[in-house]
Structure formats: structure tokens, C-alpha cells
Amino acid sequence: MTGTAAGSSEAPAPSGSRPARRGPADLPFDFADGALVERLAAERAEPGWLVDDRRAAMDRFAALPVEANRLYTTYVDLRSADLFSAQPHVRTATAAALPGNLPDGAAGVLELREDGVVAATLAAALVEQGVTLETLGAAVERDAAGIRAALAETSLPADDKLAWLSRGAWSQGIHLHVPAGVRVQQPIIFRWGAGVPGRALLGRTLVRLDDGAEASVVEELVAAGPDIARAEGEPVPQALFGATTEIVLGRSALLRLASIQDLPAGTVAFQQRTARVGEAASLRLAMAQLGSRLVRSRIDNRLEGDGGSVEQVEIVFGGQDQLFDLTSYTRHLGRDTTGNLLSKAVLAGGARAYMKGLISIERSARGTDSFLGEFGMLLDRRSRSVTIPSLEIDQPDCRRAGHSSSVGPIDPAQVFYLMSRGISEDDAHRFITLGFLEPVVARVPLEEERDRLWAMLEDKWTASRGGAAAA
């Protein structure tokens, strides 16, 4: 055993020595503090209530662990993220509307690129009906008192450290409000451009549908620009994208939300989605996780009103040592509520996925029908998947309460069957893999986006074949 003499200072580490080893749950950044909140508040002279809300959120962030796991076994690993050089954006975009053409088949588009606004357009007929699509900065400038309840009385989970980071330190945001009885027939596009090396973009999205309202949303998470040229072997700083999506559905409202995440390979993505589902309201979530170096996604659904329902599908296609950490909580409180929750991961090239889910059925939730499924498909021996579906049932009077999970390679019997019909072995593997992920593609409400998602899945399949051959 070696040591230093009493009273002497410890000798400095020799140059070139390894940095201190981090634990799996240690945060990979250190920019989140009170000084950041004061910079954000001063940038646009925010109202006092918003500054107080930011400060309280950052206090909560500082006090919470990275994962307050309710599933008894902790699976979290942030060691592949290195964001200590990342600088958060402070400028808040405020453009309420920008002239421009709507994409074909879309009713509106709001595109944010890092700390700027690229497009903010909504169909004139929807504006006349009182639909609001704007940045959060514009909402605060336009009607600070009106947006206060939506920002401060949030449904964010009390135990999610990273959700409170976004609440306290957001610089960008989207606000969509659909008044009672208004039905938006065509989808609205939210497009986030992020992933600039060495930058951290933190944001919030608020979606509010009043009683009887209906809307479809397509969310795109894409690169903010082309890849940066660099010399061979030159390291590129990682980027951070951290955001919440906070949904409130009134009585008999219907929201369809499809999200396609294809951020650059050097990006770390922290996503938190929460939803409060009212009486007879319906939420349809479809999410595809394809890009980023590390993804940590959490979804919290609260079925508060009688007869509410949620249908949720999240898919992953991972490769090149990507890590996907997916958690889903659904809480049934109202009577005769329904939940169908499905997570699927295809993994190659040493990718890993943790899929964790919990359905809670409260004593008040008579007549609940809820199912949770988590399934992993491994395309090589280096890849790994963990599935942890769980149930907590306090009300025995349920129509259904169940879960299922499996992890394994492609079923050779399925390959044999397709080959017996004249299909090549490689095509058989491709058909089975892409068919496994098809449930999300079918739920994307815009044809152009469905085609784009299919093309991205085909590209991931092609890349996985090289990794599989190497393995």
C-alpha cells in the first residue's frame, strides 16, 4: 500500500494519465447549475414567476438521482457520453410566425435549428379557428399570464432528474394548442435540428388539446447541418439534445404523435414524454429511435379520466455500439381505461438496449384493459438487450392486465419458410427484420415521412449486414 505523508498535498497525476473513471450513473456534463438559470432569465428579462420556476426545477434536478428506479433493478449506463465540453444555448427563439410554404399534406410546421427558428407556419383556416402553433419564447412574450399554467403546472414526473433539467434550463420550445371541438385533419410537423458538436440544446414541447379536439403531429429530430470535416483520428466533441414533451388531452380529445429520431452519431439524446389523458380521450404514440450515440427515453402516461386510452409503439434499430435506454410508465386511474404498449429493438454491431416498463393499476381503475410487450431481435453475438416488463395491480376487477417479453436472434423456422417460397436467405432476413419494426411505420400520418422512415430502416439494415459479417 502506498500513501502520502500526513499534511502533504497529493502529487499531481502524470501527464497523459487516464481521466478519473466514471460510474454508470454519473452525469456526463457539469454545465447545469444556478448560474445557467440566471443567464437564461437575464437573456430576455423573463417574468419573475418563470425565473422562480426555473430555480425550483434546478433545485429538484440537483437533489434527484439519475434513475429513481421503480423496477427494482437499476439499468443505466451513461459512460459512453462525454459532454463536459458542451456549452448550452442561452438565446431563446421568439418568432411567432415566419412566411413560407407548407410541406405537402401538412397543416403546419415549426422548425427549430439549435437556437434559431427556421420555419413557423400554420394554415390560415386553423389560425381562424383559434389553433396556436408557436415557440415557447413567443408564447411568453405574447401572453405570459396565459402560458403560465401550462409551463408551471406540468405533468412531469416528480422523480425524473433529466426532465427537471429541461424544465429549469430550456432555451427552445414549441407550444401547440387546439381549442375545444377543433379537428385538425392534416398533420403538423415539429422539426428539431440539433447535434452541433460541443453544444447542448435543451427544450420543452407543450401540446394541449381541449375537449373534443383532434390533431396529428409528426416530430422529426434531425441533424442541424452537414457533418463537420475533420482529419482522420481527430476527436469530435459530442452534442446533447435534451427535451420534454408534455401532453394534456381534454375530454374526448384525440392526439396522434409520431416521432422519428435520427440525430447525428455523436449526439446524446435525453427525452422525456408525459401525458395526462382525460375522460374518453385517446393518445396514439409511435416512435422510432435510429440515431444518436446514446438515447435515454422515458414515457409517463396518466389515464386520469374514465374510458381513456393510450396506444404506444416504440422501435429501435441500433448499430455501431449505440445504447438505447427506454422506460415506460403507464398509470391507470380512471374506470374502463385501456393501454396497449409495445417496445421493439433490432440490434447489431454491438448495440445495446434496455427496455423497462411498468403498468400501475390503481384501486380506482375498475375495468382496466392493459398490456405491455417488450421484444428484442439480435442480429449478431456482440449485441445485447434487456427487457423488464412489470405490473402493479391494486384493483382485481380488470378486463386484462398482462405483459410479455423475449430476446433472441431471428427465428430460423421463419427464414426456412420464406426460402421455401423462393426468397433468398438475405432477403428473408431483411423481410423479417423490417416487418418486425413495421408497426411504427404504419402509424406515421404523413406519406412523405413514412417513405423517409422506410428508407432510413433500409439503410440501417444495409449497415447491419456489414457488422453481422464482421461478427
Protein backbone atom coordinates (compact mmCIF):
# COMPACT_ATOMS: atom_id res chain seq x y z
CA MET A 1 0.00 0.00 0.00
CA THR A 2 1.25 3.45 -0.86
CA GLY A 3 0.26 6.84 0.55
CA THR A 4 1.34 10.39 1.23
CA ALA A 5 2.84 11.78 4.40
CA ALA A 6 0.47 13.49 6.83
CA GLY A 7 -0.10 17.12 5.93
CA SER A 8 1.44 16.82 2.48
CA SER A 9 -0.53 17.50 -0.70
CA GLU A 10 -1.18 14.69 -3.12
CA ALA A 11 1.17 14.66 -6.09
CA PRO A 12 -0.45 15.67 -9.40
CA ALA A 13 -1.30 12.91 -11.82
CA PRO A 14 1.36 12.50 -14.50
CA SER A 15 0.54 14.00 -17.88
CA GLY A 16 -1.14 11.57 -20.22
CA SER A 17 -2.68 9.56 -17.37
CA ARG A 18 -6.22 8.27 -17.71
CA PRO A 19 -9.06 10.51 -16.50
CA ALA A 20 -10.95 9.54 -13.38
CA ARG A 21 -13.24 6.62 -14.04
CA ARG A 22 -16.95 7.47 -14.02
CA GLY A 23 -19.70 5.31 -12.67
CA PRO A 24 -22.55 4.15 -14.96
CA ALA A 25 -25.00 6.64 -13.40
CA ASP A 26 -22.65 9.64 -13.16
CA LEU A 27 -23.79 12.64 -15.17
CA PRO A 28 -21.63 13.23 -18.27
CA PHE A 29 -21.78 17.07 -18.02
CA ASP A 30 -21.33 19.84 -15.44
CA PHE A 31 -22.89 22.94 -17.02
CA ALA A 32 -26.26 22.64 -15.24
CA ASP A 33 -26.20 24.99 -12.26
CA GLY A 34 -27.80 28.12 -10.87
CA ALA A 35 -25.60 30.39 -12.96
CA LEU A 36 -27.08 28.92 -16.14
CA VAL A 37 -30.59 29.73 -14.91
CA GLU A 38 -29.64 33.34 -14.21
CA ARG A 39 -28.13 33.69 -17.69
CA LEU A 40 -31.29 32.28 -19.26
CA ALA A 41 -33.52 34.57 -17.21
CA ALA A 42 -31.48 37.68 -17.99
CA GLU A 43 -31.26 36.98 -21.72
CA ARG A 44 -34.87 38.08 -22.27
CA ALA A 45 -35.87 39.63 -18.93
CA GLU A 46 -38.25 36.77 -18.13
CA PRO A 47 -41.16 37.32 -15.72
CA GLY A 48 -40.46 36.60 -12.08
CA TRP A 49 -42.71 33.54 -11.89
CA LEU A 50 -40.80 31.88 -14.74
CA VAL A 51 -37.43 32.62 -13.13
CA ASP A 52 -38.71 31.17 -9.85
CA ASP A 53 -39.96 28.10 -11.70
CA ARG A 54 -36.56 27.62 -13.33
CA ARG A 55 -34.77 27.93 -9.99
CA ALA A 56 -37.09 25.45 -8.28
CA ALA A 57 -36.67 22.99 -11.14
CA MET A 58 -32.88 23.20 -10.96
CA ASP A 59 -33.02 22.62 -7.21
CA ARG A 60 -35.06 19.49 -7.90
CA PHE A 61 -32.57 18.44 -10.59
CA ALA A 62 -29.65 18.82 -8.18
CA ALA A 63 -31.36 16.74 -5.48
CA LEU A 64 -32.53 13.74 -7.56
CA PRO A 65 -30.56 10.66 -8.63
CA VAL A 66 -30.25 9.91 -12.34
CA GLU A 67 -32.57 6.94 -12.01
CA ALA A 68 -35.05 6.53 -9.18
CA ASN A 69 -35.91 3.07 -10.38
CA ARG A 70 -39.33 1.64 -9.57
CA LEU A 71 -38.50 -1.64 -11.28
CA TYR A 72 -36.19 -2.97 -8.54
CA THR A 73 -33.17 -3.47 -10.81
CA THR A 74 -31.19 -0.45 -11.97
CA TYR A 75 -30.12 -0.46 -15.61
CA VAL A 76 -28.44 2.80 -16.57
CA ASP A 77 -25.10 3.41 -18.26
CA LEU A 78 -24.02 6.91 -19.26
CA ARG A 79 -20.31 6.14 -19.57
CA SER A 80 -20.25 6.45 -23.37
CA ALA A 81 -21.38 10.09 -23.08
CA ASP A 82 -18.77 12.83 -22.65
CA LEU A 83 -20.35 16.28 -22.58
CA PHE A 84 -18.02 18.12 -20.24
CA SER A 85 -17.01 20.50 -23.02
CA ALA A 86 -20.60 21.07 -24.19
CA GLN A 87 -21.91 24.62 -23.96
CA PRO A 88 -25.69 25.11 -23.55
CA HIS A 89 -27.61 27.55 -25.70
CA VAL A 90 -28.95 30.58 -23.87
CA ARG A 91 -30.66 32.65 -26.58
CA THR A 92 -34.40 31.94 -26.75
CA ALA A 93 -36.09 31.95 -30.15
CA THR A 94 -39.24 34.10 -30.19
CA ALA A 95 -40.53 34.22 -33.78
CA ALA A 96 -44.31 33.77 -33.72
CA ALA A 97 -44.64 33.18 -37.47
CA LEU A 98 -42.38 33.18 -40.49
CA PRO A 99 -43.64 33.29 -44.06
CA GLY A 100 -43.17 30.11 -46.02
CA ASN A 101 -44.87 27.28 -47.85
CA LEU A 102 -46.33 24.33 -46.01
CA PRO A 103 -45.00 20.86 -46.90
CA ASP A 104 -47.37 18.79 -48.99
CA GLY A 105 -50.10 17.25 -46.87
CA ALA A 106 -49.21 19.24 -43.73
CA ALA A 107 -51.33 21.75 -41.83
CA GLY A 108 -48.41 23.46 -40.13
CA VAL A 109 -44.69 23.32 -39.49
CA LEU A 110 -42.44 24.67 -36.77
CA GLU A 111 -38.75 24.06 -37.38
CA LEU A 112 -36.10 24.91 -34.80
CA ARG A 113 -32.40 24.59 -35.54
CA GLU A 114 -30.24 24.78 -32.43
CA ASP A 115 -31.07 28.28 -31.05
CA GLY A 116 -32.82 29.66 -34.15
CA VAL A 117 -36.21 29.44 -35.85
CA VAL A 118 -36.19 28.22 -39.46
CA ALA A 119 -39.91 27.96 -40.16
CA ALA A 120 -43.14 28.74 -38.29
CA THR A 121 -46.23 28.42 -40.47
CA LEU A 122 -49.81 27.35 -39.79
CA ALA A 123 -52.69 27.02 -42.26
CA ALA A 124 -54.82 30.17 -42.28
CA ALA A 125 -58.04 28.21 -41.68
CA LEU A 126 -56.61 26.82 -38.43
CA VAL A 127 -55.49 30.25 -37.27
CA GLU A 128 -59.07 31.45 -37.78
CA GLN A 129 -60.32 28.56 -35.62
CA GLY A 130 -58.03 29.60 -32.79
CA VAL A 131 -55.29 26.96 -33.17
CA THR A 132 -51.94 28.17 -31.82
CA LEU A 133 -48.53 26.97 -33.06
CA GLU A 134 -45.58 28.99 -31.76
CA THR A 135 -42.27 28.83 -29.98
CA LEU A 136 -42.35 28.93 -26.18
CA GLY A 137 -40.39 32.15 -26.30
CA ALA A 138 -43.11 33.71 -28.46
CA ALA A 139 -45.80 32.36 -26.12
CA VAL A 140 -44.16 34.01 -23.11
CA GLU A 141 -43.86 37.33 -24.98
CA ARG A 142 -47.42 37.18 -26.33
CA ASP A 143 -49.29 36.06 -23.24
CA ALA A 144 -47.11 35.38 -20.23
CA ALA A 145 -50.09 35.05 -17.88
CA GLY A 146 -51.92 32.69 -20.25
CA ILE A 147 -48.98 30.31 -20.75
CA ARG A 148 -48.03 30.34 -17.07
CA ALA A 149 -50.28 27.46 -16.02
CA ALA A 150 -49.09 25.27 -18.91
CA LEU A 151 -45.42 25.88 -18.04
CA ALA A 152 -45.63 25.79 -14.27
CA GLU A 153 -48.38 23.23 -13.59
CA THR A 154 -46.66 20.50 -15.52
CA SER A 155 -47.29 16.77 -15.53
CA LEU A 156 -43.56 15.99 -15.45
CA PRO A 157 -42.75 13.07 -13.14
CA ALA A 158 -41.50 14.21 -9.77
CA ASP A 159 -38.65 11.67 -9.73
CA ASP A 160 -37.10 12.27 -13.20
CA LYS A 161 -33.87 14.22 -12.80
CA LEU A 162 -33.38 14.88 -16.52
CA ALA A 163 -36.95 16.11 -17.00
CA TRP A 164 -36.35 18.74 -14.33
CA LEU A 165 -33.14 19.75 -16.13
CA SER A 166 -35.16 20.59 -19.25
CA ARG A 167 -37.79 22.43 -17.19
CA GLY A 168 -35.17 24.54 -15.48
CA ALA A 169 -32.75 25.18 -18.36
CA TRP A 170 -34.82 25.13 -21.58
CA SER A 171 -33.87 27.67 -24.20
CA GLN A 172 -36.05 26.43 -27.07
CA GLY A 173 -39.60 25.18 -27.09
CA ILE A 174 -42.81 24.51 -29.00
CA HIS A 175 -46.37 25.27 -27.98
CA LEU A 176 -49.38 23.74 -29.76
CA HIS A 177 -52.91 24.45 -28.53
CA VAL A 178 -56.05 23.14 -30.25
CA PRO A 179 -59.30 24.65 -28.87
CA ALA A 180 -62.36 22.62 -27.97
CA GLY A 181 -64.12 20.96 -30.87
CA VAL A 182 -61.48 21.81 -33.49
CA ARG A 183 -60.30 18.90 -35.61
CA VAL A 184 -57.01 19.34 -37.44
CA GLN A 185 -57.33 16.99 -40.40
CA GLN A 186 -53.72 17.16 -41.66
CA PRO A 187 -50.58 16.58 -39.55
CA ILE A 188 -48.50 19.35 -38.01
CA ILE A 189 -44.72 18.96 -38.21
CA PHE A 190 -42.33 19.70 -35.32
CA ARG A 191 -38.74 19.63 -36.59
CA TRP A 192 -35.79 19.90 -34.20
CA GLY A 193 -32.34 20.37 -35.73
CA ALA A 194 -29.60 19.54 -33.22
CA GLY A 195 -26.28 17.76 -32.85
CA VAL A 196 -23.72 20.53 -33.41
CA PRO A 197 -20.52 19.25 -31.75
CA GLY A 198 -19.83 20.85 -28.39
CA ARG A 199 -23.32 22.31 -27.95
CA ALA A 200 -26.22 21.40 -25.66
CA LEU A 201 -29.80 22.12 -26.74
CA LEU A 202 -32.45 21.86 -24.03
CA GLY A 203 -36.11 22.28 -24.89
CA ARG A 204 -39.76 21.77 -23.95
CA THR A 205 -42.76 20.94 -26.10
CA LEU A 206 -46.29 21.61 -24.82
CA VAL A 207 -49.24 20.02 -26.62
CA ARG A 208 -52.72 20.87 -25.32
CA LEU A 209 -55.93 19.59 -26.86
CA ASP A 210 -59.15 20.83 -25.30
CA ASP A 211 -62.41 18.85 -25.10
CA GLY A 212 -63.33 17.15 -28.36
CA ALA A 213 -60.23 18.41 -30.21
CA GLU A 214 -58.23 16.25 -32.61
CA ALA A 215 -54.73 16.60 -34.09
CA SER A 216 -51.85 14.65 -35.61
CA VAL A 217 -48.20 15.58 -35.05
CA VAL A 218 -45.05 14.36 -36.78
CA GLU A 219 -41.89 15.11 -34.77
CA GLU A 220 -38.54 14.98 -36.55
CA LEU A 221 -35.23 15.02 -34.68
CA VAL A 222 -32.55 15.59 -37.30
CA ALA A 223 -29.02 16.91 -37.73
CA ALA A 224 -28.71 20.69 -37.60
CA GLY A 225 -26.33 20.64 -40.56
CA PRO A 226 -23.85 18.55 -42.57
CA ASP A 227 -21.08 16.57 -40.92
CA ILE A 228 -18.04 18.63 -39.96
CA ALA A 229 -14.90 17.77 -41.91
CA ARG A 230 -12.02 16.60 -39.74
CA ALA A 231 -8.66 14.93 -40.05
CA GLU A 232 -8.52 11.17 -39.67
CA GLY A 233 -8.44 10.24 -36.00
CA GLU A 234 -9.33 13.75 -34.83
CA PRO A 235 -11.91 13.57 -31.99
CA VAL A 236 -15.17 15.44 -32.39
CA PRO A 237 -16.92 16.75 -29.26
CA GLN A 238 -20.27 15.19 -28.50
CA ALA A 239 -23.53 17.14 -28.55
CA LEU A 240 -26.53 16.99 -26.22
CA PHE A 241 -30.21 17.14 -27.10
CA GLY A 242 -32.46 17.10 -24.04
CA ALA A 243 -36.17 17.77 -24.25
CA THR A 244 -39.55 17.10 -22.70
CA THR A 245 -42.88 16.64 -24.46
CA GLU A 246 -45.79 17.47 -22.15
CA ILE A 247 -49.26 16.46 -23.39
CA VAL A 248 -52.65 17.30 -21.89
CA LEU A 249 -55.78 15.84 -23.51
CA GLY A 250 -59.24 17.06 -22.57
CA ARG A 251 -62.45 15.03 -22.65
CA SER A 252 -62.86 13.01 -25.88
CA ALA A 253 -59.72 14.55 -27.42
CA LEU A 254 -57.58 12.52 -29.84
CA LEU A 255 -53.85 13.02 -30.47
CA ARG A 256 -51.70 11.01 -32.86
CA LEU A 257 -47.99 11.70 -32.41
CA ALA A 258 -45.25 10.04 -34.48
CA SER A 259 -41.61 10.79 -33.66
CA ILE A 260 -38.57 9.90 -35.80
CA GLN A 261 -35.21 10.35 -34.07
CA ASP A 262 -32.26 10.41 -36.49
CA LEU A 263 -29.76 12.67 -34.75
CA PRO A 264 -26.03 12.52 -35.60
CA ALA A 265 -23.91 9.66 -34.26
CA GLY A 266 -22.06 11.96 -31.85
CA THR A 267 -25.22 13.13 -30.10
CA VAL A 268 -26.52 12.14 -26.67
CA ALA A 269 -30.34 12.34 -26.50
CA PHE A 270 -32.35 12.60 -23.28
CA GLN A 271 -36.10 12.53 -23.97
CA GLN A 272 -38.98 12.63 -21.51
CA ARG A 273 -42.61 12.44 -22.61
CA THR A 274 -45.56 12.80 -20.28
CA ALA A 275 -49.28 12.68 -20.99
CA ARG A 276 -52.42 13.34 -18.97
CA VAL A 277 -55.33 11.62 -20.71
CA GLY A 278 -58.81 12.82 -19.81
CA GLU A 279 -62.23 11.19 -19.97
CA ALA A 280 -62.77 9.21 -23.20
CA ALA A 281 -59.61 10.78 -24.67
CA SER A 282 -57.16 8.81 -26.81
CA LEU A 283 -53.41 9.07 -27.27
CA ARG A 284 -51.60 7.28 -30.11
CA LEU A 285 -47.79 7.35 -29.83
CA ALA A 286 -45.42 5.93 -32.46
CA MET A 287 -41.67 6.47 -32.00
CA ALA A 288 -38.63 5.37 -33.98
CA GLN A 289 -35.19 5.60 -32.37
CA LEU A 290 -32.47 5.30 -35.02
CA GLY A 291 -29.73 7.88 -34.45
CA SER A 292 -27.55 9.23 -31.61
CA ARG A 293 -24.71 7.64 -29.66
CA LEU A 294 -26.76 7.22 -26.51
CA VAL A 295 -30.52 7.57 -26.11
CA ARG A 296 -32.35 7.73 -22.82
CA SER A 297 -36.10 7.87 -23.33
CA ARG A 298 -38.82 7.88 -20.69
CA ILE A 299 -42.60 7.97 -21.23
CA ASP A 300 -45.15 8.57 -18.47
CA ASN A 301 -48.85 8.13 -19.27
CA ARG A 302 -51.58 9.00 -16.76
CA LEU A 303 -55.03 7.72 -17.71
CA GLU A 304 -56.98 10.01 -15.40
CA GLY A 305 -60.46 10.07 -16.94
CA ASP A 306 -62.93 7.20 -17.36
CA GLY A 307 -62.71 5.50 -20.74
CA GLY A 308 -59.33 6.98 -21.70
CA SER A 309 -56.89 5.01 -23.82
CA VAL A 310 -53.26 5.01 -24.90
CA GLU A 311 -51.65 3.06 -27.72
CA GLN A 312 -47.88 3.30 -27.71
CA VAL A 313 -45.28 1.72 -30.00
CA GLU A 314 -41.55 2.46 -29.79
CA ILE A 315 -38.96 0.83 -32.05
CA VAL A 316 -35.17 0.83 -32.08
CA PHE A 317 -32.74 -0.10 -34.84
CA GLY A 318 -29.29 0.11 -33.28
CA GLY A 319 -25.77 -0.46 -34.55
CA GLN A 320 -22.15 0.61 -34.08
CA ASP A 321 -22.18 0.33 -30.27
CA GLN A 322 -25.25 2.54 -29.80
CA LEU A 323 -27.04 2.36 -26.46
CA PHE A 324 -30.81 2.79 -26.06
CA ASP A 325 -32.32 3.10 -22.58
CA LEU A 326 -36.12 3.06 -22.85
CA THR A 327 -38.50 3.29 -19.90
CA SER A 328 -42.30 3.41 -19.99
CA TYR A 329 -44.68 4.03 -17.10
CA THR A 330 -48.45 3.87 -17.56
CA ARG A 331 -50.73 4.60 -14.64
CA HIS A 332 -54.43 3.73 -14.79
CA LEU A 333 -56.61 5.87 -12.50
CA GLY A 334 -59.95 6.15 -14.31
CA ARG A 335 -62.50 3.39 -14.86
CA ASP A 336 -62.57 1.33 -18.08
CA THR A 337 -59.25 2.65 -19.36
CA THR A 338 -57.17 0.87 -22.00
CA GLY A 339 -53.42 0.65 -22.58
CA ASN A 340 -51.52 -1.17 -25.32
CA LEU A 341 -47.77 -0.62 -25.01
CA LEU A 342 -45.15 -2.17 -27.27
CA SER A 343 -41.37 -1.77 -27.45
CA LYS A 344 -39.22 -3.48 -30.11
CA ALA A 345 -35.48 -3.34 -30.70
CA VAL A 346 -33.32 -4.68 -33.53
CA LEU A 347 -29.65 -4.60 -32.56
CA ALA A 348 -26.42 -5.16 -34.48
CA GLY A 349 -22.77 -4.13 -34.31
CA GLY A 350 -22.52 -4.35 -30.53
CA ALA A 351 -25.55 -2.17 -29.85
CA ARG A 352 -27.38 -2.47 -26.54
CA ALA A 353 -30.96 -1.79 -25.47
CA TYR A 354 -32.62 -1.66 -22.07
CA MET A 355 -36.42 -1.81 -22.33
CA LYS A 356 -38.15 -1.24 -19.00
CA GLY A 357 -41.86 -0.85 -18.44
CA LEU A 358 -44.35 -0.67 -15.59
CA ILE A 359 -48.14 -0.70 -15.69
CA SER A 360 -49.78 0.53 -12.48
CA ILE A 361 -53.50 -0.11 -11.95
CA GLU A 362 -54.83 1.96 -9.07
CA ARG A 363 -57.75 0.89 -6.87
CA SER A 364 -60.00 3.41 -8.63
CA ALA A 365 -59.31 1.87 -12.06
CA ARG A 366 -62.07 -0.73 -12.38
CA GLY A 367 -62.41 -2.39 -15.77
CA THR A 368 -58.83 -1.72 -16.88
CA ASP A 369 -57.52 -3.43 -20.02
CA SER A 370 -53.74 -3.07 -20.28
CA PHE A 371 -50.90 -4.96 -21.96
CA LEU A 372 -47.14 -4.36 -22.12
CA GLY A 373 -44.83 -6.11 -24.59
CA GLU A 374 -41.04 -5.77 -24.94
CA PHE A 375 -39.15 -7.69 -27.63
CA GLY A 376 -35.53 -7.67 -28.79
CA MET A 377 -34.05 -9.10 -32.00
CA LEU A 378 -30.27 -9.65 -32.05
CA LEU A 379 -28.55 -9.72 -35.44
CA ASP A 380 -25.11 -10.69 -34.07
CA ARG A 381 -23.45 -12.10 -30.96
CA ARG A 382 -21.99 -8.79 -29.77
CA SER A 383 -25.33 -7.05 -29.30
CA ARG A 384 -27.33 -7.26 -26.08
CA SER A 385 -30.85 -6.49 -24.92
CA VAL A 386 -32.53 -6.47 -21.52
CA THR A 387 -36.32 -6.45 -21.13
CA ILE A 388 -38.08 -5.78 -17.82
CA PRO A 389 -41.89 -5.61 -18.08
CA SER A 390 -43.72 -5.23 -14.77
CA LEU A 391 -47.22 -4.91 -13.34
CA GLU A 392 -48.56 -3.35 -10.11
CA ILE A 393 -52.25 -4.15 -9.63
CA ASP A 394 -54.32 -2.71 -6.79
CA GLN A 395 -57.68 -3.37 -8.47
CA PRO A 396 -58.59 -7.02 -9.15
CA ASP A 397 -61.63 -6.09 -11.28
CA CYS A 398 -59.72 -5.81 -14.58
CA ARG A 399 -60.63 -6.88 -18.08
CA ARG A 400 -56.95 -7.67 -18.75
CA ALA A 401 -53.58 -6.98 -17.18
CA GLY A 402 -50.64 -8.70 -18.82
CA HIS A 403 -47.11 -8.45 -20.13
CA SER A 404 -44.77 -10.37 -22.40
CA SER A 405 -41.12 -10.19 -23.43
CA SER A 406 -38.50 -12.05 -25.42
CA VAL A 407 -34.97 -11.55 -26.72
CA GLY A 408 -33.23 -13.65 -29.34
CA PRO A 409 -31.97 -13.98 -32.91
CA ILE A 410 -34.15 -14.26 -36.00
CA ASP A 411 -36.22 -17.45 -35.89
CA PRO A 412 -34.60 -19.91 -38.35
CA ALA A 413 -38.00 -21.53 -38.95
CA GLN A 414 -39.28 -18.24 -40.38
CA VAL A 415 -36.21 -17.98 -42.61
CA PHE A 416 -36.70 -21.56 -43.80
CA TYR A 417 -40.37 -20.91 -44.62
CA LEU A 418 -39.59 -17.85 -46.73
CA MET A 419 -36.73 -19.60 -48.52
CA SER A 420 -39.08 -22.50 -49.32
CA ARG A 421 -41.18 -19.92 -51.21
CA GLY A 422 -38.25 -18.93 -53.43
CA ILE A 423 -36.94 -15.98 -51.40
CA SER A 424 -33.18 -15.69 -50.93
CA GLU A 425 -31.73 -16.09 -47.45
CA ASP A 426 -30.59 -12.47 -47.26
CA ASP A 427 -33.98 -11.17 -48.40
CA ALA A 428 -35.69 -13.46 -45.89
CA HIS A 429 -33.67 -11.94 -43.06
CA ARG A 430 -34.44 -8.43 -44.36
CA PHE A 431 -38.18 -9.05 -44.66
CA ILE A 432 -38.38 -10.49 -41.15
CA THR A 433 -36.34 -7.67 -39.62
CA LEU A 434 -38.19 -4.79 -41.29
CA GLY A 435 -41.54 -6.47 -40.72
CA PHE A 436 -40.67 -6.68 -37.02
CA LEU A 437 -40.39 -2.86 -36.98
CA GLU A 438 -43.33 -2.10 -39.28
CA PRO A 439 -45.87 -1.16 -36.54
CA VAL A 440 -44.37 2.32 -36.17
CA VAL A 441 -44.07 2.97 -39.92
CA ALA A 442 -47.76 2.23 -40.41
CA ARG A 443 -48.69 4.83 -37.77
CA VAL A 444 -46.80 7.79 -39.32
CA PRO A 445 -49.61 10.04 -40.61
CA LEU A 446 -47.68 11.73 -43.47
CA GLU A 447 -46.81 9.69 -46.57
CA GLU A 448 -43.55 11.54 -47.22
CA GLU A 449 -42.41 10.82 -43.66
CA ARG A 450 -43.39 7.13 -43.94
CA ASP A 451 -41.25 6.83 -47.07
CA ARG A 452 -38.36 8.58 -45.34
CA LEU A 453 -38.60 6.26 -42.35
CA TRP A 454 -38.64 3.18 -44.59
CA ALA A 455 -35.52 4.47 -46.37
CA MET A 456 -33.74 5.01 -43.04
CA LEU A 457 -34.63 1.49 -41.87
CA GLU A 458 -33.33 0.06 -45.14
CA ASP A 459 -30.09 1.99 -44.64
CA LYS A 460 -29.76 0.65 -41.09
CA TRP A 461 -30.35 -2.87 -42.39
CA THR A 462 -27.65 -2.47 -45.04
CA ALA A 463 -25.20 -1.16 -42.42
CA SER A 464 -26.05 -4.03 -40.09
CA ARG A 465 -25.11 -6.64 -42.67
CA GLY A 466 -21.52 -5.40 -42.67
CA GLY A 467 -21.45 -5.58 -38.86
CA ALA A 468 -23.00 -9.03 -38.84
CA ALA A 469 -20.45 -10.32 -41.30
CA ALA A 470 -17.64 -8.99 -39.12
CA ALA A 471 -19.14 -10.60 -36.03
